[in-house]
Amino acid sequence: LYPASAKAQDTLQNGLEERGFIVTRLNTYDTVIATWTPEEESLAKSTTVACFASPSAVKAWVKNTAQLDCPRALAACIGETSFAACKKNGWKEEDIFYPEKPGIDGWAESVANALQCLSENKC
């Protein structure tokens, strides 16, 4: 049994099935883009590094910042799937930071790398 988001890609399921596992997918939740308050919009305007743990988070950020007059934040991603979503949504590759292996430790390092890039005026 594979509980997943209704919007989750089939990558994990397909990979398991290719390895001989019988997978029954159960869509247990769905993601909905949140509506931001004026305070949240203000915070987004001053954000220099946005942290993404999923493609749906990238999509929500793009939707909620589309009408705001602010520069695009650097992206610190938990892994390649979020990285790909950022690229698909217009980030330049040099403005996206992500670890070779997805996970919390690598994600924290990606945030640190983005902040270092900013502090050294390389971004």
Foldseek 3Di string as FASTA:
>chain_A
DAEDAPPDDCVVVVVCVVVPDDDDYDHDHYDDQDADDPVVLVVLQPAQEDEDEALVVVVSNCVNCVPPPHDDHQYQYQADRNLVSVVVVPDDNVSYFYAPDGDDVRSVVSVVVNVVCVVVVVD
